Amino acid sequence: MHIDDCTMTNNQWAVVAGQGATAYVSRSTLTNNFITALFNDGTSHLISYGDNRFASNASDGAFTGLASVK
Protein backbone atom coordinates (compact mmCIF):
# COMPACT_ATOMS: atom_id res chain seq x y z
CA MET A 1 0.00 0.00 0.00
CA HIS A 2 1.22 3.52 -0.79
CA ILE A 3 -0.20 6.40 1.26
CA ASP A 4 0.81 9.86 0.04
CA ASP A 5 -0.35 13.31 1.18
CA CYS A 6 -3.23 12.05 3.33
CA THR A 7 -4.79 13.08 6.63
CA MET A 8 -5.76 10.22 8.93
CA THR A 9 -7.57 11.50 12.02
CA ASN A 10 -10.08 10.37 14.66
CA ASN A 11 -9.76 6.64 13.95
CA GLN A 12 -8.85 3.72 16.17
CA TRP A 13 -5.72 3.18 14.02
CA ALA A 14 -4.47 5.38 11.17
CA VAL A 15 -2.43 2.73 9.33
CA VAL A 16 -2.63 -1.03 9.95
CA ALA A 17 -0.25 -3.46 8.25
CA GLY A 18 -0.84 -7.17 8.72
CA GLN A 19 -0.16 -10.60 7.24
CA GLY A 20 3.21 -9.68 5.69
CA ALA A 21 2.00 -6.49 4.00
CA THR A 22 4.15 -3.42 3.39
CA ALA A 23 2.77 0.11 3.73
CA TYR A 24 4.75 3.12 2.46
CA VAL A 25 3.71 6.45 4.02
CA SER A 26 4.82 9.88 2.84
CA ARG A 27 3.79 13.52 3.34
CA SER A 28 0.88 12.47 5.59
CA THR A 29 -0.62 13.70 8.86
CA LEU A 30 -1.72 11.24 11.55
CA THR A 31 -3.65 12.88 14.41
CA ASN A 32 -6.11 12.10 17.19
CA ASN A 33 -6.18 8.33 16.63
CA PHE A 34 -7.63 6.58 19.67
CA ILE A 35 -5.49 3.41 19.93
CA THR A 36 -2.32 4.02 17.89
CA ALA A 37 -1.44 5.82 14.69
CA LEU A 38 0.68 2.96 13.32
CA PHE A 39 0.02 -0.73 13.93
CA ASN A 40 2.22 -3.55 12.67
CA ASP A 41 1.42 -7.19 13.46
CA GLY A 42 5.13 -8.09 13.61
CA THR A 43 5.23 -9.78 10.19
CA SER A 44 4.61 -6.60 8.21
CA HIS A 45 6.50 -3.43 7.33
CA LEU A 46 5.63 0.24 7.82
CA ILE A 47 8.02 2.33 5.75
CA SER A 48 8.34 6.12 6.04
CA TYR A 49 9.89 8.61 3.65
CA GLY A 50 10.64 10.73 6.75
CA ASP A 51 8.19 13.54 6.06
CA ASN A 52 5.11 12.55 8.09
CA ARG A 53 3.53 14.46 10.98
CA PHE A 54 2.06 13.05 14.21
CA ALA A 55 0.01 14.82 16.90
CA SER A 56 -2.34 13.92 19.76
CA ASN A 57 -2.50 10.15 19.15
CA ALA A 58 -2.93 7.80 22.11
CA SER A 59 0.33 6.28 20.78
CA ASP A 60 2.20 7.13 17.59
CA GLY A 61 3.49 3.60 17.03
CA ALA A 62 6.67 3.21 14.99
CA PHE A 63 7.79 2.79 11.43
CA THR A 64 9.88 -0.32 10.82
CA GLY A 65 12.07 1.32 8.19
CA LEU A 66 12.93 4.39 6.16
CA ALA A 67 12.89 4.81 2.39
CA SER A 68 14.88 7.43 0.53
CA VAL A 69 13.44 9.59 -2.20
CA LYS A 70 15.31 9.20 -5.48
PDB file of N, CA and C in Angstrom:
ATOM      1  N   MET A   1       0.846  -1.151   0.000  1.00  0.00           N
ATOM      2  CA  MET A   1       0.000   0.000   0.000  1.00  0.00           C
ATOM      3  C   MET A   1       0.904   1.230   0.000  1.00  0.00           C
ATOM      4  N   HIS A   2       0.506   2.244  -0.757  1.00  0.00           N
ATOM      5  CA  HIS A   2       1.217   3.521  -0.788  1.00  0.00           C
ATOM      6  C   HIS A   2       0.259   4.612  -0.344  1.00  0.00           C
ATOM      7  N   ILE A   3       0.617   5.318   0.719  1.00  0.00           N
ATOM      8  CA  ILE A   3      -0.199   6.401   1.255  1.00  0.00           C
ATOM      9  C   ILE A   3       0.608   7.677   1.090  1.00  0.00           C
ATOM     10  N   ASP A   4       0.075   8.638   0.325  1.00  0.00           N
ATOM     11  CA  ASP A   4       0.808   9.861   0.042  1.00  0.00           C
ATOM     12  C   ASP A   4      -0.104  11.070   0.206  1.00  0.00           C
ATOM     13  N   ASP A   5       0.347  12.032   0.986  1.00  0.00           N
ATOM     14  CA  ASP A   5      -0.352  13.309   1.175  1.00  0.00           C
ATOM     15  C   ASP A   5      -1.781  13.114   1.681  1.00  0.00           C
ATOM     16  N   CYS A   6      -1.921  12.338   2.745  1.00  0.00           N
ATOM     17  CA  CYS A   6      -3.235  12.051   3.329  1.00  0.00           C
ATOM     18  C   CYS A   6      -3.306  12.555   4.766  1.00  0.00           C
ATOM     19  N   THR A   7      -4.537  12.781   5.231  1.00  0.00           N
ATOM     20  CA  THR A   7      -4.791  13.084   6.627  1.00  0.00           C
ATOM     21  C   THR A   7      -5.600  11.943   7.206  1.00  0.00           C
ATOM     22  N   MET A   8      -5.075  11.328   8.272  1.00  0.00           N
ATOM     23  CA  MET A   8      -5.756  10.224   8.934  1.00  0.00           C
ATOM     24  C   MET A   8      -6.004  10.648  10.371  1.00  0.00           C
ATOM     25  N   THR A   9      -7.264  10.933  10.711  1.00  0.00           N
ATOM     26  CA  THR A   9      -7.574  11.498  12.020  1.00  0.00           C
ATOM     27  C   THR A   9      -8.852  10.904  12.588  1.00  0.00           C
ATOM     28  N   ASN A  10      -8.905  10.843  13.925  1.00  0.00           N
ATOM     29  CA  ASN A  10     -10.084  10.373  14.662  1.00  0.00           C
ATOM     30  C   ASN A  10     -10.501   8.944  14.306  1.00  0.00           C
ATOM     31  N   ASN A  11      -9.525   8.064  14.181  1.00  0.00           N
ATOM     32  CA  ASN A  11      -9.762   6.637  13.951  1.00  0.00           C
ATOM     33  C   ASN A  11      -9.257   5.855  15.154  1.00  0.00           C
ATOM     34  N   GLN A  12      -9.513   4.556  15.165  1.00  0.00           N
ATOM     35  CA  GLN A  12      -8.850   3.724  16.168  1.00  0.00           C
ATOM     36  C   GLN A  12      -7.370   3.608  15.810  1.00  0.00           C
ATOM     37  N   TRP A  13      -7.079   3.266  14.564  1.00  0.00           N
ATOM     38  CA  TRP A  13      -5.721   3.183  14.022  1.00  0.00           C
ATOM     39  C   TRP A  13      -5.701   3.986  12.732  1.00  0.00           C
ATOM     40  N   ALA A  14      -4.584   4.645  12.436  1.00  0.00           N
ATOM     41  CA  ALA A  14      -4.470   5.379  11.173  1.00  0.00           C
ATOM     42  C   ALA A  14      -4.013   4.438  10.059  1.00  0.00           C
ATOM     43  N   VAL A  15      -2.962   3.669  10.318  1.00  0.00           N
ATOM     44  CA  VAL A  15      -2.425   2.726   9.327  1.00  0.00           C
ATOM     45  C   VAL A  15      -2.226   1.377  10.015  1.00  0.00           C
ATOM     46  N   VAL A  16      -2.783   0.329   9.430  1.00  0.00           N
ATOM     47  CA  VAL A  16      -2.635  -1.029   9.954  1.00  0.00           C
ATOM     48  C   VAL A  16      -2.002  -1.886   8.862  1.00  0.00           C
ATOM     49  N   ALA A  17      -0.888  -2.534   9.181  1.00  0.00           N
ATOM     50  CA  ALA A  17      -0.247  -3.458   8.248  1.00  0.00           C
ATOM     51  C   ALA A  17      -0.232  -4.837   8.888  1.00  0.00           C
ATOM     52  N   GLY A  18      -0.776  -5.823   8.188  1.00  0.00           N
ATOM     53  CA  GLY A  18      -0.837  -7.173   8.716  1.00  0.00           C
ATOM     54  C   GLY A  18      -0.594  -8.217   7.652  1.00  0.00           C
ATOM     55  N   GLN A  19      -0.326  -9.429   8.088  1.00  0.00           N
ATOM     56  CA  GLN A  19      -0.155 -10.599   7.236  1.00  0.00           C
ATOM     57  C   GLN A  19       0.924 -10.416   6.176  1.00  0.00           C
ATOM     58  N   GLY A  20       2.059  -9.827   6.587  1.00  0.00           N
ATOM     59  CA  GLY A  20       3.206  -9.681   5.689  1.00  0.00           C
ATOM     60  C   GLY A  20       3.129  -8.516   4.727  1.00  0.00           C
ATOM     61  N   ALA A  21       2.171  -7.634   4.900  1.00  0.00           N
ATOM     62  CA  ALA A  21       2.001  -6.487   4.000  1.00  0.00           C
ATOM     63  C   ALA A  21       3.090  -5.442   4.241  1.00  0.00           C
ATOM     64  N   THR A  22       3.255  -4.572   3.261  1.00  0.00           N
ATOM     65  CA  THR A  22       4.146  -3.423   3.391  1.00  0.00           C
ATOM     66  C   THR A  22       3.359  -2.169   3.066  1.00  0.00           C
ATOM     67  N   ALA A  23       3.433  -1.177   3.952  1.00  0.00           N
ATOM     68  CA  ALA A  23       2.775   0.113   3.728  1.00  0.00           C
ATOM     69  C   ALA A  23       3.850   1.191   3.682  1.00  0.00           C
ATOM     70  N   TYR A  24       3.848   1.982   2.617  1.00  0.00           N
ATOM     71  CA  TYR A  24       4.747   3.119   2.459  1.00  0.00           C
ATOM     72  C   TYR A  24       3.937   4.380   2.744  1.00  0.00           C
ATOM     73  N   VAL A  25       4.446   5.242   3.624  1.00  0.00           N
ATOM     74  CA  VAL A  25       3.714   6.445   4.019  1.00  0.00           C
ATOM     75  C   VAL A  25       4.599   7.662   3.794  1.00  0.00           C
ATOM     76  N   SER A  26       4.062   8.647   3.078  1.00  0.00           N
ATOM     77  CA  SER A  26       4.821   9.881   2.843  1.00  0.00           C
ATOM     78  C   SER A  26       3.907  11.093   2.874  1.00  0.00           C
ATOM     79  N   ARG A  27       4.458  12.214   3.311  1.00  0.00           N
ATOM     80  CA  ARG A  27       3.785  13.520   3.340  1.00  0.00           C
ATOM     81  C   ARG A  27       2.393  13.462   3.960  1.00  0.00           C
ATOM     82  N   SER A  28       2.207  12.665   5.007  1.00  0.00           N
ATOM     83  CA  SER A  28       0.885  12.472   5.591  1.00  0.00           C
ATOM     84  C   SER A  28       0.837  12.943   7.042  1.00  0.00           C
ATOM     85  N   THR A  29      -0.378  13.240   7.495  1.00  0.00           N
ATOM     86  CA  THR A  29      -0.616  13.700   8.858  1.00  0.00           C
ATOM     87  C   THR A  29      -1.473  12.680   9.577  1.00  0.00           C
ATOM     88  N   LEU A  30      -1.017  12.228  10.745  1.00  0.00           N
ATOM     89  CA  LEU A  30      -1.724  11.236  11.546  1.00  0.00           C
ATOM     90  C   LEU A  30      -2.017  11.861  12.903  1.00  0.00           C
ATOM     91  N   THR A  31      -3.293  12.170  13.180  1.00  0.00           N
ATOM     92  CA  THR A  31      -3.645  12.880  14.407  1.00  0.00           C
ATOM     93  C   THR A  31      -4.888  12.310  15.063  1.00  0.00           C
ATOM     94  N   ASN A  32      -4.932  12.436  16.386  1.00  0.00           N
ATOM     95  CA  ASN A  32      -6.112  12.101  17.191  1.00  0.00           C
ATOM     96  C   ASN A  32      -6.639  10.688  16.964  1.00  0.00           C
ATOM     97  N   ASN A  33      -5.761   9.726  16.767  1.00  0.00           N
ATOM     98  CA  ASN A  33      -6.180   8.333  16.629  1.00  0.00           C
ATOM     99  C   ASN A  33      -6.212   7.696  18.006  1.00  0.00           C
ATOM    100  N   PHE A  34      -7.284   6.974  18.308  1.00  0.00           N
ATOM    101  CA  PHE A  34      -7.626   6.582  19.670  1.00  0.00           C
ATOM    102  C   PHE A  34      -6.788   5.449  20.242  1.00  0.00           C
ATOM    103  N   ILE A  35      -6.288   4.533  19.415  1.00  0.00           N
ATOM    104  CA  ILE A  35      -5.486   3.412  19.929  1.00  0.00           C
ATOM    105  C   ILE A  35      -4.015   3.648  19.598  1.00  0.00           C
ATOM    106  N   THR A  36      -3.679   3.701  18.329  1.00  0.00           N
ATOM    107  CA  THR A  36      -2.316   4.020  17.888  1.00  0.00           C
ATOM    108  C   THR A  36      -2.370   4.478  16.442  1.00  0.00           C
ATOM    109  N   ALA A  37      -1.465   5.352  16.072  1.00  0.00           N
ATOM    110  CA  ALA A  37      -1.439   5.825  14.693  1.00  0.00           C
ATOM    111  C   ALA A  37      -0.951   4.714  13.758  1.00  0.00           C
ATOM    112  N   LEU A  38       0.104   4.015  14.152  1.00  0.00           N
ATOM    113  CA  LEU A  38       0.685   2.961  13.317  1.00  0.00           C
ATOM    114  C   LEU A  38       0.592   1.624  14.034  1.00  0.00           C
ATOM    115  N   PHE A  39       0.057   0.619  13.359  1.00  0.00           N
ATOM    116  CA  PHE A  39       0.017  -0.731  13.929  1.00  0.00           C
ATOM    117  C   PHE A  39       0.625  -1.704  12.946  1.00  0.00           C
ATOM    118  N   ASN A  40       1.541  -2.515  13.447  1.00  0.00           N
ATOM    119  CA  ASN A  40       2.217  -3.546  12.667  1.00  0.00           C
ATOM    120  C   ASN A  40       2.077  -4.848  13.440  1.00  0.00           C
ATOM    121  N   ASP A  41       1.644  -5.913  12.769  1.00  0.00           N
ATOM    122  CA  ASP A  41       1.416  -7.187  13.460  1.00  0.00           C
ATOM    123  C   ASP A  41       2.698  -7.976  13.728  1.00  0.00           C
ATOM    124  N   GLY A  42       3.849  -7.414  13.368  1.00  0.00           N
ATOM    125  CA  GLY A  42       5.127  -8.094  13.609  1.00  0.00           C
ATOM    126  C   GLY A  42       5.652  -8.843  12.398  1.00  0.00           C
ATOM    127  N   THR A  43       4.790  -9.113  11.422  1.00  0.00           N
ATOM    128  CA  THR A  43       5.228  -9.776  10.194  1.00  0.00           C
ATOM    129  C   THR A  43       5.193  -8.820   9.016  1.00  0.00           C
ATOM    130  N   SER A  44       4.814  -7.588   9.260  1.00  0.00           N
ATOM    131  CA  SER A  44       4.610  -6.602   8.206  1.00  0.00           C
ATOM    132  C   SER A  44       5.598  -5.450   8.333  1.00  0.00           C
ATOM    133  N   HIS A  45       5.559  -4.551   7.361  1.00  0.00           N
ATOM    134  CA  HIS A  45       6.496  -3.430   7.331  1.00  0.00           C
ATOM    135  C   HIS A  45       5.747  -2.122   7.161  1.00  0.00           C
ATOM    136  N   LEU A  46       6.136  -1.131   7.943  1.00  0.00           N
ATOM    137  CA  LEU A  46       5.630   0.240   7.820  1.00  0.00           C
ATOM    138  C   LEU A  46       6.832   1.113   7.475  1.00  0.00           C
ATOM    139  N   ILE A  47       6.860   1.606   6.252  1.00  0.00           N
ATOM    140  CA  ILE A  47       8.021   2.332   5.747  1.00  0.00           C
ATOM    141  C   ILE A  47       7.673   3.812   5.607  1.00  0.00           C
ATOM    142  N   SER A  48       8.539   4.676   6.120  1.00  0.00           N
ATOM    143  CA  SER A  48       8.338   6.121   6.045  1.00  0.00           C
ATOM    144  C   SER A  48       9.370   6.747   5.117  1.00  0.00           C
ATOM    145  N   TYR A  49       8.953   7.800   4.422  1.00  0.00           N
ATOM    146  CA  TYR A  49       9.891   8.613   3.652  1.00  0.00           C
ATOM    147  C   TYR A  49      10.448   9.742   4.513  1.00  0.00           C
ATOM    148  N   GLY A  50      10.065   9.782   5.804  1.00  0.00           N
ATOM    149  CA  GLY A  50      10.635  10.729   6.746  1.00  0.00           C
ATOM    150  C   GLY A  50       9.967  12.089   6.790  1.00  0.00           C
ATOM    151  N   ASP A  51       8.824  12.223   6.124  1.00  0.00           N
ATOM    152  CA  ASP A  51       8.187  13.541   6.063  1.00  0.00           C
ATOM    153  C   ASP A  51       6.734  13.507   6.547  1.00  0.00           C
ATOM    154  N   ASN A  52       6.458  12.664   7.529  1.00  0.00           N
ATOM    155  CA  ASN A  52       5.106  12.545   8.092  1.00  0.00           C
ATOM    156  C   ASN A  52       5.012  13.332   9.392  1.00  0.00           C
ATOM    157  N   ARG A  53       3.764  13.682   9.763  1.00  0.00           N
ATOM    158  CA  ARG A  53       3.534  14.458  10.975  1.00  0.00           C
ATOM    159  C   ARG A  53       2.571  13.714  11.889  1.00  0.00           C
ATOM    160  N   PHE A  54       2.883  13.705  13.193  1.00  0.00           N
ATOM    161  CA  PHE A  54       2.062  13.054  14.206  1.00  0.00           C
ATOM    162  C   PHE A  54       1.670  14.070  15.266  1.00  0.00           C
ATOM    163  N   ALA A  55       0.426  13.968  15.783  1.00  0.00           N
ATOM    164  CA  ALA A  55       0.013  14.818  16.902  1.00  0.00           C
ATOM    165  C   ALA A  55      -1.190  14.204  17.599  1.00  0.00           C
ATOM    166  N   SER A  56      -1.186  14.250  18.918  1.00  0.00           N
ATOM    167  CA  SER A  56      -2.341  13.915  19.763  1.00  0.00           C
ATOM    168  C   SER A  56      -2.908  12.513  19.568  1.00  0.00           C
ATOM    169  N   ASN A  57      -2.074  11.548  19.207  1.00  0.00           N
ATOM    170  CA  ASN A  57      -2.504  10.151  19.148  1.00  0.00           C
ATOM    171  C   ASN A  57      -2.342   9.533  20.539  1.00  0.00           C
ATOM    172  N   ALA A  58      -3.134   8.519  20.848  1.00  0.00           N
ATOM    173  CA  ALA A  58      -2.930   7.801  22.108  1.00  0.00           C
ATOM    174  C   ALA A  58      -1.505   7.247  22.141  1.00  0.00           C
ATOM    175  N   SER A  59      -1.042   6.746  20.990  1.00  0.00           N
ATOM    176  CA  SER A  59       0.329   6.284  20.777  1.00  0.00           C
ATOM    177  C   SER A  59       0.636   6.515  19.307  1.00  0.00           C
ATOM    178  N   ASP A  60       1.850   6.945  18.997  1.00  0.00           N
ATOM    179  CA  ASP A  60       2.201   7.127  17.589  1.00  0.00           C
ATOM    180  C   ASP A  60       2.526   5.810  16.899  1.00  0.00           C
ATOM    181  N   GLY A  61       2.999   4.821  17.660  1.00  0.00           N
ATOM    182  CA  GLY A  61       3.493   3.605  17.033  1.00  0.00           C
ATOM    183  C   GLY A  61       4.862   3.901  16.431  1.00  0.00           C
ATOM    184  N   ALA A  62       5.340   2.999  15.571  1.00  0.00           N
ATOM    185  CA  ALA A  62       6.671   3.209  14.991  1.00  0.00           C
ATOM    186  C   ALA A  62       6.755   2.639  13.592  1.00  0.00           C
ATOM    187  N   PHE A  63       7.482   3.342  12.754  1.00  0.00           N
ATOM    188  CA  PHE A  63       7.788   2.790  11.431  1.00  0.00           C
ATOM    189  C   PHE A  63       8.867   1.731  11.613  1.00  0.00           C
ATOM    190  N   THR A  64       8.881   0.740  10.737  1.00  0.00           N
ATOM    191  CA  THR A  64       9.881  -0.318  10.818  1.00  0.00           C
ATOM    192  C   THR A  64      11.077  -0.037   9.921  1.00  0.00           C
ATOM    193  N   GLY A  65      10.951   0.984   9.074  1.00  0.00           N
ATOM    194  CA  GLY A  65      12.067   1.319   8.187  1.00  0.00           C
ATOM    195  C   GLY A  65      11.870   2.665   7.519  1.00  0.00           C
ATOM    196  N   LEU A  66      12.937   3.128   6.886  1.00  0.00           N
ATOM    197  CA  LEU A  66      12.926   4.385   6.156  1.00  0.00           C
ATOM    198  C   LEU A  66      13.250   4.126   4.695  1.00  0.00           C
ATOM    199  N   ALA A  67      12.593   4.870   3.822  1.00  0.00           N
ATOM    200  CA  ALA A  67      12.890   4.811   2.392  1.00  0.00           C
ATOM    201  C   ALA A  67      13.448   6.164   1.981  1.00  0.00           C
ATOM    202  N   SER A  68      14.335   6.160   1.013  1.00  0.00           N
ATOM    203  CA  SER A  68      14.878   7.429   0.526  1.00  0.00           C
ATOM    204  C   SER A  68      14.208   7.796  -0.787  1.00  0.00           C
ATOM    205  N   VAL A  69      14.029   9.088  -0.977  1.00  0.00           N
ATOM    206  CA  VAL A  69      13.441   9.590  -2.204  1.00  0.00           C
ATOM    207  C   VAL A  69      14.548   9.693  -3.234  1.00  0.00           C
ATOM    208  N   LYS A  70      14.289   9.160  -4.416  1.00  0.00           N
ATOM    209  CA  LYS A  70      15.313   9.203  -5.481  1.00  0.00           C
ATOM    210  C   LYS A  70      14.864  10.102  -6.597  1.00  0.00           C
TER     211      LYS A  70
END
